[in-house]
C-alpha atoms as a PDB file:
ATOM      1  CA  MET A   1       4.206  -5.060  -5.087  1.00  0.00           C
ATOM      2  CA  SER A   2       1.267  -5.478  -7.500  1.00  0.00           C
ATOM      3  CA  PHE A   3      -1.259  -3.056  -8.921  1.00  0.00           C
ATOM      4  CA  ALA A   4      -5.033  -3.082  -8.769  1.00  0.00           C
ATOM      5  CA  ALA A   5      -5.412  -3.304 -12.458  1.00  0.00           C
ATOM      6  CA  ASP A   6      -3.478  -4.757 -15.569  1.00  0.00           C
ATOM      7  CA  GLU A   7      -1.750  -7.218 -13.205  1.00  0.00           C
ATOM      8  CA  SER A   8      -1.181  -9.638 -16.075  1.00  0.00           C
ATOM      9  CA  GLN A   9       0.719  -7.030 -18.050  1.00  0.00           C
ATOM     10  CA  ASP A  10       4.348  -7.147 -18.048  1.00  0.00           C
ATOM     11  CA  PHE A  11       6.600  -4.146 -17.122  1.00  0.00           C
ATOM     12  CA  ASP A  12       7.110  -3.109 -20.841  1.00  0.00           C
ATOM     13  CA  GLN A  13       3.439  -3.023 -21.473  1.00  0.00           C
ATOM     14  CA  GLN A  14       2.559  -1.175 -18.409  1.00  0.00           C
ATOM     15  CA  VAL A  15       5.149   1.674 -18.942  1.00  0.00           C
ATOM     16  CA  SER A  16       4.534   2.016 -22.590  1.00  0.00           C
ATOM     17  CA  LYS A  17       2.785   5.076 -23.436  1.00  0.00           C
ATOM     18  CA  PRO A  18       1.165   7.097 -26.415  1.00  0.00           C
ATOM     19  CA  ALA A  19       3.045  10.187 -27.465  1.00  0.00           C
ATOM     20  CA  GLY A  20       2.530  12.961 -24.998  1.00  0.00           C
ATOM     21  CA  SER A  21       1.188  10.907 -22.069  1.00  0.00           C
ATOM     22  CA  ARG A  22       2.762  11.117 -18.801  1.00  0.00           C
ATOM     23  CA  TRP A  23       2.058   9.614 -15.226  1.00  0.00           C
ATOM     24  CA  TYR A  24       0.808  11.906 -12.602  1.00  0.00           C
ATOM     25  CA  ALA A  25       0.486  11.287  -8.806  1.00  0.00           C
ATOM     26  CA  VAL A  26      -3.134  12.354  -7.668  1.00  0.00           C
ATOM     27  CA  GLN A  27      -3.866  13.055  -3.983  1.00  0.00           C
ATOM     28  CA  VAL A  28      -7.199  11.510  -2.675  1.00  0.00           C
ATOM     29  CA  ALA A  29      -9.234  11.543   0.458  1.00  0.00           C
ATOM     30  CA  SER A  30      -7.762   8.884   2.945  1.00  0.00           C
ATOM     31  CA  GLY A  31      -9.344   5.514   2.350  1.00  0.00           C
ATOM     32  CA  CYS A  32     -10.991   6.535  -0.933  1.00  0.00           C
ATOM     33  CA  GLU A  33      -8.470   5.131  -3.468  1.00  0.00           C
ATOM     34  CA  LYS A  34     -10.465   2.388  -4.922  1.00  0.00           C
ATOM     35  CA  ARG A  35     -13.668   4.715  -4.810  1.00  0.00           C
ATOM     36  CA  VAL A  36     -11.720   7.323  -6.708  1.00  0.00           C
ATOM     37  CA  LYS A  37     -10.336   4.818  -9.323  1.00  0.00           C
ATOM     38  CA  THR A  38     -13.763   3.339 -10.004  1.00  0.00           C
ATOM     39  CA  ASN A  39     -15.492   6.819 -10.227  1.00  0.00           C
ATOM     40  CA  LEU A  40     -12.690   8.233 -12.458  1.00  0.00           C
ATOM     41  CA  GLU A  41     -12.804   5.264 -14.853  1.00  0.00           C
ATOM     42  CA  GLN A  42     -16.604   5.693 -15.151  1.00  0.00           C
ATOM     43  CA  ARG A  43     -16.117   9.435 -15.856  1.00  0.00           C
ATOM     44  CA  ILE A  44     -13.507   8.657 -18.511  1.00  0.00           C
ATOM     45  CA  GLN A  45     -16.091   6.617 -20.371  1.00  0.00           C
ATOM     46  CA  THR A  46     -18.950   9.064 -19.781  1.00  0.00           C
ATOM     47  CA  MET A  47     -17.106  12.132 -20.833  1.00  0.00           C
ATOM     48  CA  ASP A  48     -15.286  10.396 -23.630  1.00  0.00           C
ATOM     49  CA  VAL A  49     -11.763  11.165 -22.757  1.00  0.00           C
ATOM     50  CA  GLY A  50     -10.315   7.735 -22.884  1.00  0.00           C
ATOM     51  CA  ASP A  51      -7.804   9.092 -25.669  1.00  0.00           C
ATOM     52  CA  ARG A  52      -6.324  11.337 -23.000  1.00  0.00           C
ATOM     53  CA  ILE A  53      -6.830   9.646 -19.693  1.00  0.00           C
ATOM     54  CA  LEU A  54      -5.427   6.094 -20.269  1.00  0.00           C
ATOM     55  CA  LYS A  55      -4.964   4.311 -16.872  1.00  0.00           C
ATOM     56  CA  VAL A  56      -5.706   4.641 -13.361  1.00  0.00           C
ATOM     57  CA  GLN A  57      -3.564   2.670 -10.943  1.00  0.00           C
ATOM     58  CA  ILE A  58      -3.328   2.066  -7.167  1.00  0.00           C
ATOM     59  CA  PRO A  59       0.151   0.889  -6.290  1.00  0.00           C
ATOM     60  CA  GLN A  60      -0.156  -2.074  -3.841  1.00  0.00           C
ATOM     61  CA  THR A  61       2.109  -4.655  -2.270  1.00  0.00           C
ATOM     62  CA  PRO A  62       1.256  -8.227  -1.468  1.00  0.00           C
ATOM     63  CA  THR A  63       1.188  -8.845   2.306  1.00  0.00           C
ATOM     64  CA  VAL A  64       0.848 -12.019   4.406  1.00  0.00           C
ATOM     65  CA  LYS A  65      -0.490 -11.496   7.884  1.00  0.00           C
ATOM     66  CA  ILE A  66       0.278 -14.253  10.378  1.00  0.00           C
ATOM     67  CA  ARG A  67      -2.454 -14.376  13.015  1.00  0.00           C
ATOM     68  CA  LYS A  68      -1.495 -15.353  16.527  1.00  0.00           C
ATOM     69  CA  ASP A  69      -2.794 -18.839  15.960  1.00  0.00           C
ATOM     70  CA  GLY A  70      -0.294 -19.189  13.074  1.00  0.00           C
ATOM     71  CA  SER A  71      -2.912 -18.898  10.312  1.00  0.00           C
ATOM     72  CA  ARG A  72      -1.929 -16.776   7.174  1.00  0.00           C
ATOM     73  CA  GLN A  73      -4.192 -14.159   5.715  1.00  0.00           C
ATOM     74  CA  HIS A  74      -3.171 -12.913   2.193  1.00  0.00           C
ATOM     75  CA  SER A  75      -4.098  -9.444   1.304  1.00  0.00           C
ATOM     76  CA  GLU A  76      -2.593  -6.355  -0.404  1.00  0.00           C
ATOM     77  CA  GLU A  77      -1.557  -3.120   1.217  1.00  0.00           C
ATOM     78  CA  LYS A  78      -1.354   0.321  -0.514  1.00  0.00           C
ATOM     79  CA  VAL A  79       2.265   1.536  -1.219  1.00  0.00           C
ATOM     80  CA  PHE A  80       1.178   5.127  -1.276  1.00  0.00           C
ATOM     81  CA  PRO A  81      -1.900   5.619   0.934  1.00  0.00           C
ATOM     82  CA  GLY A  82      -3.930   8.618  -0.054  1.00  0.00           C
ATOM     83  CA  TYR A  83      -2.636   8.622  -3.659  1.00  0.00           C
ATOM     84  CA  VAL A  84      -3.551   7.184  -7.160  1.00  0.00           C
ATOM     85  CA  LEU A  85      -1.492   7.161 -10.313  1.00  0.00           C
ATOM     86  CA  VAL A  86      -2.945   8.339 -13.519  1.00  0.00           C
ATOM     87  CA  GLN A  87      -1.582   8.031 -17.028  1.00  0.00           C
ATOM     88  CA  MET A  88      -2.731  10.828 -19.182  1.00  0.00           C
ATOM     89  CA  VAL A  89      -2.198  13.338 -21.793  1.00  0.00           C
ATOM     90  CA  MET A  90      -2.593  16.762 -19.881  1.00  0.00           C
ATOM     91  CA  ASP A  91      -4.951  19.468 -21.162  1.00  0.00           C
ATOM     92  CA  ASP A  92      -7.565  21.472 -19.623  1.00  0.00           C
ATOM     93  CA  GLU A  93     -10.485  19.096 -20.142  1.00  0.00           C
ATOM     94  CA  ALA A  94      -8.592  16.020 -18.928  1.00  0.00           C
ATOM     95  CA  TRP A  95      -7.389  17.991 -16.099  1.00  0.00           C
ATOM     96  CA  GLN A  96     -11.003  18.986 -15.156  1.00  0.00           C
ATOM     97  CA  VAL A  97     -12.204  15.391 -15.334  1.00  0.00           C
ATOM     98  CA  VAL A  98      -9.607  14.169 -12.731  1.00  0.00           C
ATOM     99  CA  LYS A  99      -9.713  17.252 -10.530  1.00  0.00           C
ATOM    100  CA  ASN A 100     -13.572  17.178 -10.264  1.00  0.00           C
ATOM    101  CA  THR A 101     -13.768  13.479  -9.585  1.00  0.00           C
ATOM    102  CA  PRO A 102     -15.351  13.040  -6.013  1.00  0.00           C
ATOM    103  CA  ASN A 103     -12.820  12.551  -3.169  1.00  0.00           C
ATOM    104  CA  VAL A 104      -9.931  13.875  -5.367  1.00  0.00           C
ATOM    105  CA  ILE A 105      -7.954  16.552  -3.456  1.00  0.00           C
ATOM    106  CA  ASN A 106      -5.428  17.623  -6.169  1.00  0.00           C
ATOM    107  CA  PHE A 107      -2.596  16.673  -8.417  1.00  0.00           C
ATOM    108  CA  VAL A 108       0.825  16.533  -6.894  1.00  0.00           C
ATOM    109  CA  GLY A 109       2.872  19.372  -8.308  1.00  0.00           C
ATOM    110  CA  ALA A 110       4.120  22.863  -7.856  1.00  0.00           C
ATOM    111  CA  GLU A 111       1.927  25.427  -6.205  1.00  0.00           C
ATOM    112  CA  GLN A 112       1.610  28.628  -8.036  1.00  0.00           C
ATOM    113  CA  LYS A 113       1.024  31.786  -6.072  1.00  0.00           C
ATOM    114  CA  ARG A 114      -1.866  33.878  -6.737  1.00  0.00           C
ATOM    115  CA  SER A 115      -0.945  37.234  -8.180  1.00  0.00           C
ATOM    116  CA  TYR A 116      -3.804  38.925  -6.269  1.00  0.00           C
ATOM    117  CA  GLY A 117      -5.843  38.632  -3.167  1.00  0.00           C
ATOM    118  CA  ARG A 118      -5.253  36.067  -0.389  1.00  0.00           C
ATOM    119  CA  GLY A 119      -5.307  32.329  -0.149  1.00  0.00           C
ATOM    120  CA  ARG A 120      -3.366  29.615  -1.942  1.00  0.00           C
ATOM    121  CA  GLY A 121      -2.965  29.613  -5.576  1.00  0.00           C
ATOM    122  CA  HIS A 122      -3.499  26.555  -7.940  1.00  0.00           C
ATOM    123  CA  VAL A 123      -1.250  23.508  -8.217  1.00  0.00           C
ATOM    124  CA  LYS A 124       0.362  22.945 -11.614  1.00  0.00           C
ATOM    125  CA  PRO A 125       0.578  19.169 -12.043  1.00  0.00           C
ATOM    126  CA  VAL A 126       4.040  17.835 -12.415  1.00  0.00           C
ATOM    127  CA  PRO A 127       4.513  14.511 -14.052  1.00  0.00           C
ATOM    128  CA  LEU A 128       6.538  11.732 -12.503  1.00  0.00           C
ATOM    129  CA  SER A 129       9.922  11.162 -14.040  1.00  0.00           C
ATOM    130  CA  PRO A 130      10.579   8.330 -16.138  1.00  0.00           C
ATOM    131  CA  GLY A 131      13.024   6.985 -13.399  1.00  0.00           C
ATOM    132  CA  GLU A 132      10.215   7.129 -10.887  1.00  0.00           C
ATOM    133  CA  VAL A 133       7.716   5.408 -13.113  1.00  0.00           C
ATOM    134  CA  GLU A 134      10.254   2.733 -13.909  1.00  0.00           C
ATOM    135  CA  ARG A 135      11.028   2.144 -10.313  1.00  0.00           C
ATOM    136  CA  ILE A 136       7.415   1.909  -9.228  1.00  0.00           C
ATOM    137  CA  PHE A 137       6.465  -0.576 -11.966  1.00  0.00           C
ATOM    138  CA  LYS A 138       9.732  -2.628 -11.720  1.00  0.00           C
ATOM    139  CA  GLN A 139       9.261  -3.063  -8.141  1.00  0.00           C
ATOM    140  CA  ALA A 140       5.702  -4.243  -8.766  1.00  0.00           C
ATOM    141  CA  GLU A 141       7.103  -7.378 -10.670  1.00  0.00           C
ATOM    142  CA  GLU A 142       9.975  -8.101  -8.057  1.00  0.00           C
ATOM    143  CA  GLN A 143       8.534  -7.301  -4.581  1.00  0.00           C
ATOM    144  CA  GLU A 144       8.230 -10.383  -2.369  1.00  0.00           C
ATOM    145  CA  PRO A 145       5.179 -10.379  -0.161  1.00  0.00           C
ATOM    146  CA  ILE A 146       5.559  -8.457   3.121  1.00  0.00           C
ATOM    147  CA  VAL A 147       5.117 -10.744   6.191  1.00  0.00           C
ATOM    148  CA  LYS A 148       3.236  -9.160   8.992  1.00  0.00           C
ATOM    149  CA  VAL A 149       2.504 -10.645  12.371  1.00  0.00           C
ATOM    150  CA  ASP A 150      -0.094  -9.827  15.055  1.00  0.00           C
ATOM    151  CA  LEU A 151       2.653 -10.050  17.670  1.00  0.00           C
ATOM    152  CA  ALA A 152       5.297  -7.523  18.837  1.00  0.00           C
ATOM    153  CA  VAL A 153       8.160  -7.444  21.351  1.00  0.00           C
ATOM    154  CA  GLY A 154       6.714  -6.879  24.700  1.00  0.00           C
ATOM    155  CA  ASP A 155       3.446  -8.651  24.197  1.00  0.00           C
ATOM    156  CA  LYS A 156       2.306 -10.996  26.926  1.00  0.00           C
ATOM    157  CA  ILE A 157       1.620 -14.526  25.840  1.00  0.00           C
ATOM    158  CA  ILE A 158       0.631 -17.990  27.349  1.00  0.00           C
ATOM    159  CA  VAL A 159       1.715 -21.198  25.808  1.00  0.00           C
ATOM    160  CA  LEU A 160      -1.099 -23.362  24.552  1.00  0.00           C
ATOM    161  CA  SER A 161       0.629 -26.675  23.655  1.00  0.00           C
ATOM    162  CA  GLY A 162       4.019 -28.267  23.892  1.00  0.00           C
ATOM    163  CA  PRO A 163       6.276 -28.873  26.930  1.00  0.00           C
ATOM    164  CA  PHE A 164       5.760 -25.368  28.191  1.00  0.00           C
ATOM    165  CA  LYS A 165       1.879 -25.543  27.931  1.00  0.00           C
ATOM    166  CA  GLY A 166       0.390 -23.212  30.685  1.00  0.00           C
ATOM    167  CA  PHE A 167       3.487 -21.165  31.019  1.00  0.00           C
ATOM    168  CA  GLU A 168       3.169 -17.401  30.644  1.00  0.00           C
ATOM    169  CA  GLY A 169       5.810 -15.058  29.377  1.00  0.00           C
ATOM    170  CA  GLU A 170       6.866 -12.044  27.374  1.00  0.00           C
ATOM    171  CA  VAL A 171       7.807 -11.846  23.661  1.00  0.00           C
ATOM    172  CA  ILE A 172      11.415 -10.777  23.208  1.00  0.00           C
ATOM    173  CA  GLU A 173      11.963 -11.563  19.486  1.00  0.00           C
ATOM    174  CA  VAL A 174       9.601 -12.211  16.514  1.00  0.00           C
ATOM    175  CA  SER A 175      10.696 -14.127  13.364  1.00  0.00           C
ATOM    176  CA  PRO A 176       7.766 -13.861  10.855  1.00  0.00           C
ATOM    177  CA  GLU A 177       9.538 -15.502   8.118  1.00  0.00           C
ATOM    178  CA  ARG A 178       9.958 -18.576  10.307  1.00  0.00           C
ATOM    179  CA  SER A 179       6.568 -18.350  11.935  1.00  0.00           C
ATOM    180  CA  LYS A 180       8.368 -18.464  15.277  1.00  0.00           C
ATOM    181  CA  LEU A 181       9.116 -16.227  18.294  1.00  0.00           C
ATOM    182  CA  LYS A 182      11.232 -16.177  21.350  1.00  0.00           C
ATOM    183  CA  ALA A 183       9.594 -15.444  24.822  1.00  0.00           C
ATOM    184  CA  LEU A 184      10.878 -15.200  28.240  1.00  0.00           C
ATOM    185  CA  LEU A 185       9.201 -17.863  30.408  1.00  0.00           C
ATOM    186  CA  SER A 186       9.560 -18.030  34.093  1.00  0.00           C
ATOM    187  CA  ILE A 187      11.012 -21.685  34.715  1.00  0.00           C
ATOM    188  CA  PHE A 188      12.023 -22.722  38.244  1.00  0.00           C
ATOM    189  CA  GLY A 189      11.768 -19.097  39.111  1.00  0.00           C
ATOM    190  CA  ARG A 190      14.210 -17.834  36.353  1.00  0.00           C
ATOM    191  CA  ASP A 191      13.366 -16.025  33.194  1.00  0.00           C
ATOM    192  CA  THR A 192      14.446 -18.386  30.381  1.00  0.00           C
ATOM    193  CA  PRO A 193      14.295 -17.513  26.692  1.00  0.00           C
ATOM    194  CA  VAL A 194      12.362 -20.164  24.788  1.00  0.00           C
ATOM    195  CA  GLU A 195      11.580 -20.523  21.082  1.00  0.00           C
ATOM    196  CA  LEU A 196       7.911 -21.344  20.120  1.00  0.00           C
ATOM    197  CA  GLU A 197       6.010 -21.623  17.074  1.00  0.00           C
ATOM    198  CA  PHE A 198       3.101 -18.923  16.556  1.00  0.00           C
ATOM    199  CA  ASN A 199       0.475 -21.650  16.796  1.00  0.00           C
ATOM    200  CA  GLN A 200       1.749 -22.769  20.181  1.00  0.00           C
ATOM    201  CA  ILE A 201       0.866 -19.535  21.830  1.00  0.00           C
ATOM    202  CA  GLU A 202      -1.926 -16.940  22.307  1.00  0.00           C
ATOM    203  CA  LYS A 203      -1.390 -13.296  23.007  1.00  0.00           C
ATOM    204  CA  THR A 204      -2.877 -12.150  26.440  1.00  0.00           C
ATOM    205  CA  SER A 205      -2.261  -8.449  26.081  1.00  0.00           C
END
């Protein structure tokens, strides 16, 4: 797992914090994590609260997607879709800067009931525990890339090369780490499991 910013910093640097600062999880509109991060960082500068809102992070993990032709696409995938992490010293002004950033829904915290009228009360931000912060950032250094493949058990395939070229079959096992799969091919009228390379086949459905 890696983070969108400060990737060159080591674990000790990332979790170090000025006195009084804590990490908070902030819920944002789906798909707007990077936009919120950019807008919030601009607001921090414009509103001169950099001494209280210190970092904005999007937890991400490296992924390797293996296409059906065997090629690999390297990318990153959000660990907590719909959330960003903010390191800050909580006070009314800093809270307002974060809360009023476009596409921010709310801090993660404890909802406080309204003492009058109807409707929901406001949410009191609850900081992440030191253990949660340590686990998130420690995993960022140690996480191996997640391998994903555009094939699944039950997919129909056709063999493009090798001794079984032209045969059609059904995927029964996928091994992304080996770039191989097993498929049932009809050979001499019998379903026979055959191991194939990803680049030997094409998905037909």
